Amino acid sequence: MDRIRHADPDPAALACKDNNLRDPIRRCLDKNPDHRPTPDQIIDVCAGTLQAGQWLPTALTARLDQRTAELDKILSRRGRPIVKLSAVPLILAIGAIIALIFASSHHTDQTSSPPSPASSRFVAAPSATSAASTSPTPIAVRDGEDPYADGCRVDEEEVDRRPMSFPGGSPYSYLVLFHSHRCDASWGYVYGPNSSRWSVHIVAHRQGDGATAPSSFSGNQRPNSWGNLLSTRTGCVSAEAYITQGRAQSSHTITDCAQDHGAVTRTTGSASHAS
């Protein structure tokens, strides 16, 4: 698509032996989108100008003829006019329309400003599927790291899901505990809207040594945010999340915990903390 806008057309694209099609192809490759034909104009030019050639396999040609006859029969029953297009112009028309669409989209993308990199972690909702069919290579992670920067997304799986609420009790969304066998670690992920009017706090807790990995996010960004990970090699890890609005604080939602080498879970429920 970049060549359509900035370079001369490929001579091979204009090497069509049919004079009726060479001009539409040349116009489709015009650098000025306003000079390119519309899809309707392409169809008008292509319709009925070519006959299906012998380059198609005989079985496929017969199948196309059969489908065309069935379509003609259905349309005639409904009283609709029948527009017959031979296989070759129809294929060329569809291809030209797709080229026009992509060329227009490319032009729009090139004139718009590229998105700036996010300064905080948000969006990028994790995959809903479990581990890949082949086991990924294990990697070493450190407590408090970003699970998605470490590559833990590859085989992440949902261990537990708990509803969350705003301060005052109105529903917010869900806290999910994700676990990766590849990283041998777990972390919290919050599905829900983000706003500068409140902050989302996510904390990973590990039983045994009492290690924590806190994180928080506030801003007018797209939905969802996640917390830092904790390794499950030495203990069961759970996730905690809550919302703050000014001095008000929601109840703390806490998930079950997870540990590798056979899931270990302990139901902790949802604990309410006064603001």
C-alpha atoms as a PDB file:
ATOM      1  CA  MET A   1       0.000   0.000   0.000  1.00  0.00           C
ATOM      2  CA  ASP A   2       2.918   2.342   0.621  1.00  0.00           C
ATOM      3  CA  ARG A   3       4.096   1.801  -2.957  1.00  0.00           C
ATOM      4  CA  ILE A   4       0.659   2.821  -4.286  1.00  0.00           C
ATOM      5  CA  ARG A   5       1.049   6.168  -2.559  1.00  0.00           C
ATOM      6  CA  HIS A   6       4.743   6.894  -3.111  1.00  0.00           C
ATOM      7  CA  ALA A   7       6.039   4.907  -6.116  1.00  0.00           C
ATOM      8  CA  ASP A   8       5.114   4.150  -9.698  1.00  0.00           C
ATOM      9  CA  PRO A   9       2.843   1.127 -10.229  1.00  0.00           C
ATOM     10  CA  ASP A  10       4.467  -2.237 -10.773  1.00  0.00           C
ATOM     11  CA  PRO A  11       4.535  -2.813 -14.562  1.00  0.00           C
ATOM     12  CA  ALA A  12       3.290  -6.333 -13.955  1.00  0.00           C
ATOM     13  CA  ALA A  13       0.089  -4.900 -12.479  1.00  0.00           C
ATOM     14  CA  LEU A  14      -0.606  -3.078 -15.750  1.00  0.00           C
ATOM     15  CA  ALA A  15       0.301  -5.999 -18.006  1.00  0.00           C
ATOM     16  CA  CYS A  16      -3.342  -6.971 -18.453  1.00  0.00           C
ATOM     17  CA  LYS A  17      -4.138  -8.028 -22.007  1.00  0.00           C
ATOM     18  CA  ASP A  18      -7.761  -6.900 -21.742  1.00  0.00           C
ATOM     19  CA  ASN A  19      -8.081  -3.209 -22.628  1.00  0.00           C
ATOM     20  CA  ASN A  20     -11.362  -2.996 -20.693  1.00  0.00           C
ATOM     21  CA  LEU A  21      -9.602  -3.962 -17.459  1.00  0.00           C
ATOM     22  CA  ARG A  22      -6.234  -2.241 -17.888  1.00  0.00           C
ATOM     23  CA  ASP A  23      -7.639   1.268 -17.370  1.00  0.00           C
ATOM     24  CA  PRO A  24      -9.626   0.402 -14.193  1.00  0.00           C
ATOM     25  CA  ILE A  25      -6.510  -1.261 -12.766  1.00  0.00           C
ATOM     26  CA  ARG A  26      -4.416   1.816 -13.536  1.00  0.00           C
ATOM     27  CA  ARG A  27      -7.026   4.070 -11.888  1.00  0.00           C
ATOM     28  CA  CYS A  28      -7.133   1.849  -8.797  1.00  0.00           C
ATOM     29  CA  LEU A  29      -3.377   2.416  -8.389  1.00  0.00           C
ATOM     30  CA  ASP A  30      -3.648   6.214  -8.658  1.00  0.00           C
ATOM     31  CA  LYS A  31      -1.788   8.000  -5.827  1.00  0.00           C
ATOM     32  CA  ASN A  32      -4.724  10.377  -5.313  1.00  0.00           C
ATOM     33  CA  PRO A  33      -7.622   8.529  -3.615  1.00  0.00           C
ATOM     34  CA  ASP A  34     -10.104  10.956  -5.203  1.00  0.00           C
ATOM     35  CA  HIS A  35      -9.064   9.768  -8.659  1.00  0.00           C
ATOM     36  CA  ARG A  36      -9.626   6.091  -7.896  1.00  0.00           C
ATOM     37  CA  PRO A  37     -12.890   4.477  -9.090  1.00  0.00           C
ATOM     38  CA  THR A  38     -15.641   3.634  -6.668  1.00  0.00           C
ATOM     39  CA  PRO A  39     -16.600  -0.013  -6.045  1.00  0.00           C
ATOM     40  CA  ASP A  40     -19.793   0.497  -8.085  1.00  0.00           C
ATOM     41  CA  GLN A  41     -17.773   1.836 -11.016  1.00  0.00           C
ATOM     42  CA  ILE A  42     -15.449  -1.160 -10.863  1.00  0.00           C
ATOM     43  CA  ILE A  43     -18.374  -3.571 -10.891  1.00  0.00           C
ATOM     44  CA  ASP A  44     -19.989  -1.737 -13.819  1.00  0.00           C
ATOM     45  CA  VAL A  45     -16.773  -2.010 -15.826  1.00  0.00           C
ATOM     46  CA  CYS A  46     -16.121  -5.641 -14.964  1.00  0.00           C
ATOM     47  CA  ALA A  47     -19.664  -6.968 -15.271  1.00  0.00           C
ATOM     48  CA  GLY A  48     -20.106  -8.869 -18.504  1.00  0.00           C
ATOM     49  CA  THR A  49     -16.750  -7.830 -20.049  1.00  0.00           C
ATOM     50  CA  LEU A  50     -15.015 -11.178 -19.617  1.00  0.00           C
ATOM     51  CA  GLN A  51     -15.940 -14.800 -19.985  1.00  0.00           C
ATOM     52  CA  ALA A  52     -14.651 -17.408 -17.580  1.00  0.00           C
ATOM     53  CA  GLY A  53     -11.335 -18.661 -18.956  1.00  0.00           C
ATOM     54  CA  GLN A  54      -9.918 -22.147 -19.056  1.00  0.00           C
ATOM     55  CA  TRP A  55      -7.456 -21.303 -16.265  1.00  0.00           C
ATOM     56  CA  LEU A  56     -10.044 -22.514 -13.757  1.00  0.00           C
ATOM     57  CA  PRO A  57     -10.228 -26.271 -13.098  1.00  0.00           C
ATOM     58  CA  THR A  58     -13.123 -27.948 -14.877  1.00  0.00           C
ATOM     59  CA  ALA A  59     -14.646 -29.185 -11.606  1.00  0.00           C
ATOM     60  CA  LEU A  60     -14.521 -25.716 -10.096  1.00  0.00           C
ATOM     61  CA  THR A  61     -16.048 -24.122 -13.188  1.00  0.00           C
ATOM     62  CA  ALA A  62     -18.898 -26.631 -13.080  1.00  0.00           C
ATOM     63  CA  ARG A  63     -19.469 -25.951  -9.386  1.00  0.00           C
ATOM     64  CA  LEU A  64     -19.557 -22.201 -10.009  1.00  0.00           C
ATOM     65  CA  ASP A  65     -22.086 -22.689 -12.789  1.00  0.00           C
ATOM     66  CA  GLN A  66     -24.214 -24.853 -10.498  1.00  0.00           C
ATOM     67  CA  ARG A  67     -24.140 -22.260  -7.693  1.00  0.00           C
ATOM     68  CA  THR A  68     -24.995 -19.499 -10.161  1.00  0.00           C
ATOM     69  CA  ALA A  69     -27.991 -21.464 -11.436  1.00  0.00           C
ATOM     70  CA  GLU A  70     -29.181 -22.088  -7.865  1.00  0.00           C
ATOM     71  CA  LEU A  71     -28.834 -18.393  -7.034  1.00  0.00           C
ATOM     72  CA  ASP A  72     -30.718 -17.412 -10.195  1.00  0.00           C
ATOM     73  CA  LYS A  73     -33.536 -19.757  -9.210  1.00  0.00           C
ATOM     74  CA  ILE A  74     -33.773 -18.371  -5.678  1.00  0.00           C
ATOM     75  CA  LEU A  75     -33.743 -14.742  -6.846  1.00  0.00           C
ATOM     76  CA  SER A  76     -36.312 -15.392  -9.571  1.00  0.00           C
ATOM     77  CA  ARG A  77     -38.692 -16.842  -6.985  1.00  0.00           C
ATOM     78  CA  ARG A  78     -38.414 -13.666  -4.940  1.00  0.00           C
ATOM     79  CA  GLY A  79     -39.033 -11.480  -7.956  1.00  0.00           C
ATOM     80  CA  ARG A  80     -35.650  -9.781  -7.779  1.00  0.00           C
ATOM     81  CA  PRO A  81     -33.645  -8.766 -10.868  1.00  0.00           C
ATOM     82  CA  ILE A  82     -30.745 -11.066 -11.632  1.00  0.00           C
ATOM     83  CA  VAL A  83     -27.345  -9.537 -12.363  1.00  0.00           C
ATOM     84  CA  LYS A  84     -25.007 -12.092 -13.854  1.00  0.00           C
ATOM     85  CA  LEU A  85     -21.265 -11.738 -13.331  1.00  0.00           C
ATOM     86  CA  SER A  86     -18.826 -14.186 -14.822  1.00  0.00           C
ATOM     87  CA  ALA A  87     -16.250 -15.644 -12.446  1.00  0.00           C
ATOM     88  CA  VAL A  88     -13.252 -13.645 -13.637  1.00  0.00           C
ATOM     89  CA  PRO A  89     -14.700 -10.093 -13.447  1.00  0.00           C
ATOM     90  CA  LEU A  90     -16.355 -10.921 -10.139  1.00  0.00           C
ATOM     91  CA  ILE A  91     -13.038 -12.015  -8.626  1.00  0.00           C
ATOM     92  CA  LEU A  92     -11.260  -8.965 -10.042  1.00  0.00           C
ATOM     93  CA  ALA A  93     -13.975  -6.643  -8.741  1.00  0.00           C
ATOM     94  CA  ILE A  94     -13.739  -8.085  -5.232  1.00  0.00           C
ATOM     95  CA  GLY A  95      -9.949  -7.790  -5.281  1.00  0.00           C
ATOM     96  CA  ALA A  96     -10.074  -4.183  -6.460  1.00  0.00           C
ATOM     97  CA  ILE A  97     -12.591  -3.251  -3.768  1.00  0.00           C
ATOM     98  CA  ILE A  98     -10.385  -4.786  -1.061  1.00  0.00           C
ATOM     99  CA  ALA A  99      -7.377  -2.892  -2.442  1.00  0.00           C
ATOM    100  CA  LEU A 100      -9.311   0.373  -2.301  1.00  0.00           C
ATOM    101  CA  ILE A 101     -10.374  -0.221   1.263  1.00  0.00           C
ATOM    102  CA  PHE A 102      -6.849  -1.000   2.451  1.00  0.00           C
ATOM    103  CA  ALA A 103      -5.368   1.888   0.501  1.00  0.00           C
ATOM    104  CA  SER A 104      -7.820   4.330   2.091  1.00  0.00           C
ATOM    105  CA  SER A 105      -7.151   2.922   5.560  1.00  0.00           C
ATOM    106  CA  HIS A 106      -3.411   3.231   5.043  1.00  0.00           C
ATOM    107  CA  HIS A 107      -3.771   6.851   4.005  1.00  0.00           C
ATOM    108  CA  THR A 108      -5.730   7.628   7.173  1.00  0.00           C
ATOM    109  CA  ASP A 109      -3.216   5.867   9.410  1.00  0.00           C
ATOM    110  CA  GLN A 110      -0.265   7.708   7.899  1.00  0.00           C
ATOM    111  CA  THR A 111      -1.777  11.129   8.496  1.00  0.00           C
ATOM    112  CA  SER A 112      -2.763  10.489  12.093  1.00  0.00           C
ATOM    113  CA  SER A 113      -0.419  10.825  15.042  1.00  0.00           C
ATOM    114  CA  PRO A 114       1.008   7.557  16.411  1.00  0.00           C
ATOM    115  CA  PRO A 115      -0.188   6.585  19.887  1.00  0.00           C
ATOM    116  CA  SER A 116       2.122   7.518  22.721  1.00  0.00           C
ATOM    117  CA  PRO A 117       3.432   4.697  24.933  1.00  0.00           C
ATOM    118  CA  ALA A 118       1.539   4.199  28.176  1.00  0.00           C
ATOM    119  CA  SER A 119       3.306   5.335  31.320  1.00  0.00           C
ATOM    120  CA  SER A 120       1.273   3.036  33.557  1.00  0.00           C
ATOM    121  CA  ARG A 121       0.073  -0.513  33.158  1.00  0.00           C
ATOM    122  CA  PHE A 122      -3.509  -0.794  31.983  1.00  0.00           C
ATOM    123  CA  VAL A 123      -5.632  -2.220  29.142  1.00  0.00           C
ATOM    124  CA  ALA A 124      -4.232  -5.308  27.354  1.00  0.00           C
ATOM    125  CA  ALA A 125      -6.715  -7.739  28.854  1.00  0.00           C
ATOM    126  CA  PRO A 126      -5.170 -11.189  29.242  1.00  0.00           C
ATOM    127  CA  SER A 127      -6.151 -14.129  27.094  1.00  0.00           C
ATOM    128  CA  ALA A 128      -9.068 -16.230  28.324  1.00  0.00           C
ATOM    129  CA  THR A 129      -7.410 -19.442  27.153  1.00  0.00           C
ATOM    130  CA  SER A 130      -5.188 -21.637  29.276  1.00  0.00           C
ATOM    131  CA  ALA A 131      -1.697 -22.922  28.546  1.00  0.00           C
ATOM    132  CA  ALA A 132      -0.548 -23.568  25.004  1.00  0.00           C
ATOM    133  CA  SER A 133      -0.550 -27.105  23.625  1.00  0.00           C
ATOM    134  CA  THR A 134       3.221 -27.286  24.053  1.00  0.00           C
ATOM    135  CA  SER A 135       4.736 -26.410  27.409  1.00  0.00           C
ATOM    136  CA  PRO A 136       6.667 -23.109  27.211  1.00  0.00           C
ATOM    137  CA  THR A 137      10.219 -22.875  28.477  1.00  0.00           C
ATOM    138  CA  PRO A 138      10.266 -22.036  32.218  1.00  0.00           C
ATOM    139  CA  ILE A 139      11.684 -18.631  33.099  1.00  0.00           C
ATOM    140  CA  ALA A 140      12.951 -17.198  36.352  1.00  0.00           C
ATOM    141  CA  VAL A 141      11.055 -14.211  37.742  1.00  0.00           C
ATOM    142  CA  ARG A 142      11.570 -12.014  40.772  1.00  0.00           C
ATOM    143  CA  ASP A 143       8.946 -10.897  43.260  1.00  0.00           C
ATOM    144  CA  GLY A 144       7.344  -7.558  42.428  1.00  0.00           C
ATOM    145  CA  GLU A 145       7.913  -7.706  38.650  1.00  0.00           C
ATOM    146  CA  ASP A 146       5.369  -7.042  35.896  1.00  0.00           C
ATOM    147  CA  PRO A 147       4.024 -10.479  34.839  1.00  0.00           C
ATOM    148  CA  TYR A 148       3.412  -9.424  31.238  1.00  0.00           C
ATOM    149  CA  ALA A 149       6.846  -7.829  30.853  1.00  0.00           C
ATOM    150  CA  ASP A 150       8.307 -11.151  32.045  1.00  0.00           C
ATOM    151  CA  GLY A 151       6.359 -13.182  29.469  1.00  0.00           C
ATOM    152  CA  CYS A 152       3.979 -14.896  31.887  1.00  0.00           C
ATOM    153  CA  ARG A 153       0.976 -14.274  29.613  1.00  0.00           C
ATOM    154  CA  VAL A 154       1.827 -17.276  27.417  1.00  0.00           C
ATOM    155  CA  ASP A 155       0.329 -19.890  29.731  1.00  0.00           C
ATOM    156  CA  GLU A 156      -1.652 -17.804  32.228  1.00  0.00           C
ATOM    157  CA  GLU A 157      -4.777 -19.405  33.634  1.00  0.00           C
ATOM    158  CA  GLU A 158      -7.563 -18.062  35.808  1.00  0.00           C
ATOM    159  CA  VAL A 159      -7.535 -19.532  39.318  1.00  0.00           C
ATOM    160  CA  ASP A 160     -10.231 -17.509  41.068  1.00  0.00           C
ATOM    161  CA  ARG A 161     -12.619 -14.617  40.362  1.00  0.00           C
ATOM    162  CA  ARG A 162     -14.328 -12.380  42.939  1.00  0.00           C
ATOM    163  CA  PRO A 163     -16.711  -9.407  42.515  1.00  0.00           C
ATOM    164  CA  MET A 164     -15.570  -5.932  43.569  1.00  0.00           C
ATOM    165  CA  SER A 165     -17.492  -2.823  44.611  1.00  0.00           C
ATOM    166  CA  PHE A 166     -16.975   0.928  44.795  1.00  0.00           C
ATOM    167  CA  PRO A 167     -16.807   2.736  48.123  1.00  0.00           C
ATOM    168  CA  GLY A 168     -20.439   2.847  49.174  1.00  0.00           C
ATOM    169  CA  GLY A 169     -21.183  -0.654  47.908  1.00  0.00           C
ATOM    170  CA  SER A 170     -22.215  -0.165  44.258  1.00  0.00           C
ATOM    171  CA  PRO A 171     -20.835  -2.881  41.910  1.00  0.00           C
ATOM    172  CA  TYR A 172     -17.497  -2.191  40.234  1.00  0.00           C
ATOM    173  CA  SER A 173     -16.289  -5.315  38.437  1.00  0.00           C
ATOM    174  CA  TYR A 174     -14.089  -8.362  39.148  1.00  0.00           C
ATOM    175  CA  LEU A 175     -10.744  -9.256  40.673  1.00  0.00           C
ATOM    176  CA  VAL A 176      -9.131 -12.296  39.033  1.00  0.00           C
ATOM    177  CA  LEU A 177      -6.163 -14.313  40.289  1.00  0.00           C
ATOM    178  CA  PHE A 178      -3.995 -15.470  37.386  1.00  0.00           C
ATOM    179  CA  HIS A 179      -1.269 -18.102  37.594  1.00  0.00           C
ATOM    180  CA  SER A 180       1.544 -19.024  35.178  1.00  0.00           C
ATOM    181  CA  HIS A 181       3.257 -22.413  35.320  1.00  0.00           C
ATOM    182  CA  ARG A 182       5.981 -21.039  33.078  1.00  0.00           C
ATOM    183  CA  CYS A 183       6.826 -18.313  35.582  1.00  0.00           C
ATOM    184  CA  ASP A 184       5.719 -20.311  38.637  1.00  0.00           C
ATOM    185  CA  ALA A 185       4.032 -17.129  39.848  1.00  0.00           C
ATOM    186  CA  SER A 186       0.610 -15.527  40.442  1.00  0.00           C
ATOM    187  CA  TRP A 187      -0.788 -11.985  40.275  1.00  0.00           C
ATOM    188  CA  GLY A 188      -4.049 -10.056  40.487  1.00  0.00           C
ATOM    189  CA  TYR A 189      -5.934  -8.605  37.502  1.00  0.00           C
ATOM    190  CA  VAL A 190      -8.863  -6.192  37.836  1.00  0.00           C
ATOM    191  CA  TYR A 191     -11.493  -5.957  35.106  1.00  0.00           C
ATOM    192  CA  GLY A 192     -13.187  -2.585  35.311  1.00  0.00           C
ATOM    193  CA  PRO A 193     -13.174   1.056  34.233  1.00  0.00           C
ATOM    194  CA  ASN A 194     -10.302   3.419  35.027  1.00  0.00           C
ATOM    195  CA  SER A 195     -10.711   7.078  35.985  1.00  0.00           C
ATOM    196  CA  SER A 196      -8.790   9.903  37.621  1.00  0.00           C
ATOM    197  CA  ARG A 197     -11.687  10.055  40.106  1.00  0.00           C
ATOM    198  CA  TRP A 198     -10.609   6.836  41.824  1.00  0.00           C
ATOM    199  CA  SER A 199      -7.600   4.558  42.282  1.00  0.00           C
ATOM    200  CA  VAL A 200      -7.426   0.792  41.803  1.00  0.00           C
ATOM    201  CA  HIS A 201      -5.149  -0.972  44.305  1.00  0.00           C
ATOM    202  CA  ILE A 202      -3.932  -4.543  43.691  1.00  0.00           C
ATOM    203  CA  VAL A 203      -1.734  -6.446  46.149  1.00  0.00           C
ATOM    204  CA  ALA A 204      -0.325  -9.971  45.825  1.00  0.00           C
ATOM    205  CA  HIS A 205       0.171 -11.847  49.141  1.00  0.00           C
ATOM    206  CA  ARG A 206       2.256 -14.961  49.749  1.00  0.00           C
ATOM    207  CA  GLN A 207       1.582 -17.224  52.687  1.00  0.00           C
ATOM    208  CA  GLY A 208       4.478 -18.462  54.779  1.00  0.00           C
ATOM    209  CA  ASP A 209       6.911 -15.555  54.552  1.00  0.00           C
ATOM    210  CA  GLY A 210       4.225 -12.827  54.357  1.00  0.00           C
ATOM    211  CA  ALA A 211       5.696 -11.250  51.196  1.00  0.00           C
ATOM    212  CA  THR A 212       3.549  -8.669  49.360  1.00  0.00           C
ATOM    213  CA  ALA A 213       3.705  -7.004  45.932  1.00  0.00           C
ATOM    214  CA  PRO A 214       1.551  -3.836  45.949  1.00  0.00           C
ATOM    215  CA  SER A 215       0.569  -1.691  42.969  1.00  0.00           C
ATOM    216  CA  SER A 216      -2.043   0.963  42.136  1.00  0.00           C
ATOM    217  CA  PHE A 217      -3.352   2.881  39.149  1.00  0.00           C
ATOM    218  CA  SER A 218      -5.466   5.990  38.598  1.00  0.00           C
ATOM    219  CA  GLY A 219      -6.132   7.780  35.311  1.00  0.00           C
ATOM    220  CA  ASN A 220      -8.527   8.374  32.449  1.00  0.00           C
ATOM    221  CA  GLN A 221      -7.426   5.365  30.447  1.00  0.00           C
ATOM    222  CA  ARG A 222      -9.057   2.366  28.848  1.00  0.00           C
ATOM    223  CA  PRO A 223     -10.417  -0.340  31.202  1.00  0.00           C
ATOM    224  CA  ASN A 224      -8.555  -2.986  33.197  1.00  0.00           C
ATOM    225  CA  SER A 225      -5.321  -3.025  35.216  1.00  0.00           C
ATOM    226  CA  TRP A 226      -3.075  -5.619  36.805  1.00  0.00           C
ATOM    227  CA  GLY A 227      -0.714  -5.959  39.725  1.00  0.00           C
ATOM    228  CA  ASN A 228       2.822  -7.228  40.270  1.00  0.00           C
ATOM    229  CA  LEU A 229       3.562 -10.920  40.629  1.00  0.00           C
ATOM    230  CA  LEU A 230       4.849 -13.079  43.461  1.00  0.00           C
ATOM    231  CA  SER A 231       6.614 -16.386  42.994  1.00  0.00           C
ATOM    232  CA  THR A 232       4.682 -19.450  44.162  1.00  0.00           C
ATOM    233  CA  ARG A 233       7.796 -21.586  44.599  1.00  0.00           C
ATOM    234  CA  THR A 234       7.897 -20.971  48.342  1.00  0.00           C
ATOM    235  CA  GLY A 235       4.250 -20.400  49.185  1.00  0.00           C
ATOM    236  CA  CYS A 236       0.653 -20.011  48.130  1.00  0.00           C
ATOM    237  CA  VAL A 237      -0.138 -16.623  46.528  1.00  0.00           C
ATOM    238  CA  SER A 238      -3.470 -14.778  46.637  1.00  0.00           C
ATOM    239  CA  ALA A 239      -4.595 -11.399  45.283  1.00  0.00           C
ATOM    240  CA  GLU A 240      -6.268  -8.506  47.084  1.00  0.00           C
ATOM    241  CA  ALA A 241      -7.878  -5.443  45.465  1.00  0.00           C
ATOM    242  CA  TYR A 242      -9.860  -2.402  46.533  1.00  0.00           C
ATOM    243  CA  ILE A 243     -10.943   1.056  45.292  1.00  0.00           C
ATOM    244  CA  THR A 244     -10.250   4.434  46.903  1.00  0.00           C
ATOM    245  CA  GLN A 245     -12.080   7.681  46.151  1.00  0.00           C
ATOM    246  CA  GLY A 246     -10.609  10.514  48.136  1.00  0.00           C
ATOM    247  CA  ARG A 247     -10.718   9.342  51.735  1.00  0.00           C
ATOM    248  CA  ALA A 248     -13.381   6.709  51.038  1.00  0.00           C
ATOM    249  CA  GLN A 249     -12.278   3.107  50.593  1.00  0.00           C
ATOM    250  CA  SER A 250     -14.191   0.090  49.311  1.00  0.00           C
ATOM    251  CA  SER A 251     -14.257  -3.314  50.937  1.00  0.00           C
ATOM    252  CA  HIS A 252     -11.155  -5.394  50.214  1.00  0.00           C
ATOM    253  CA  THR A 253     -11.751  -8.292  47.844  1.00  0.00           C
ATOM    254  CA  ILE A 254      -9.427 -11.273  48.366  1.00  0.00           C
ATOM    255  CA  THR A 255      -9.113 -14.350  46.163  1.00  0.00           C
ATOM    256  CA  ASP A 256      -8.187 -17.906  46.918  1.00  0.00           C
ATOM    257  CA  CYS A 257      -4.466 -18.642  46.736  1.00  0.00           C
ATOM    258  CA  ALA A 258      -2.579 -20.726  44.187  1.00  0.00           C
ATOM    259  CA  GLN A 259       0.672 -22.660  44.198  1.00  0.00           C
ATOM    260  CA  ASP A 260       2.395 -24.776  41.561  1.00  0.00           C
ATOM    261  CA  HIS A 261       2.961 -28.526  41.737  1.00  0.00           C
ATOM    262  CA  GLY A 262      -0.704 -29.207  42.402  1.00  0.00           C
ATOM    263  CA  ALA A 263      -3.084 -26.309  42.991  1.00  0.00           C
ATOM    264  CA  VAL A 264      -3.373 -25.342  46.634  1.00  0.00           C
ATOM    265  CA  THR A 265      -6.308 -23.077  47.439  1.00  0.00           C
ATOM    266  CA  ARG A 266      -7.565 -21.521  50.618  1.00  0.00           C
ATOM    267  CA  THR A 267     -10.856 -19.653  50.545  1.00  0.00           C
ATOM    268  CA  THR A 268     -10.436 -16.312  52.247  1.00  0.00           C
ATOM    269  CA  GLY A 269     -13.568 -14.578  50.989  1.00  0.00           C
ATOM    270  CA  SER A 270     -14.032 -10.817  50.931  1.00  0.00           C
ATOM    271  CA  ALA A 271     -12.929  -8.845  53.969  1.00  0.00           C
ATOM    272  CA  SER A 272     -14.362  -5.413  54.744  1.00  0.00           C
ATOM    273  CA  HIS A 273     -12.033  -2.701  56.029  1.00  0.00           C
ATOM    274  CA  ALA A 274     -13.210   0.619  57.397  1.00  0.00           C
ATOM    275  CA  SER A 275     -11.881   3.731  55.700  1.00  0.00           C
END
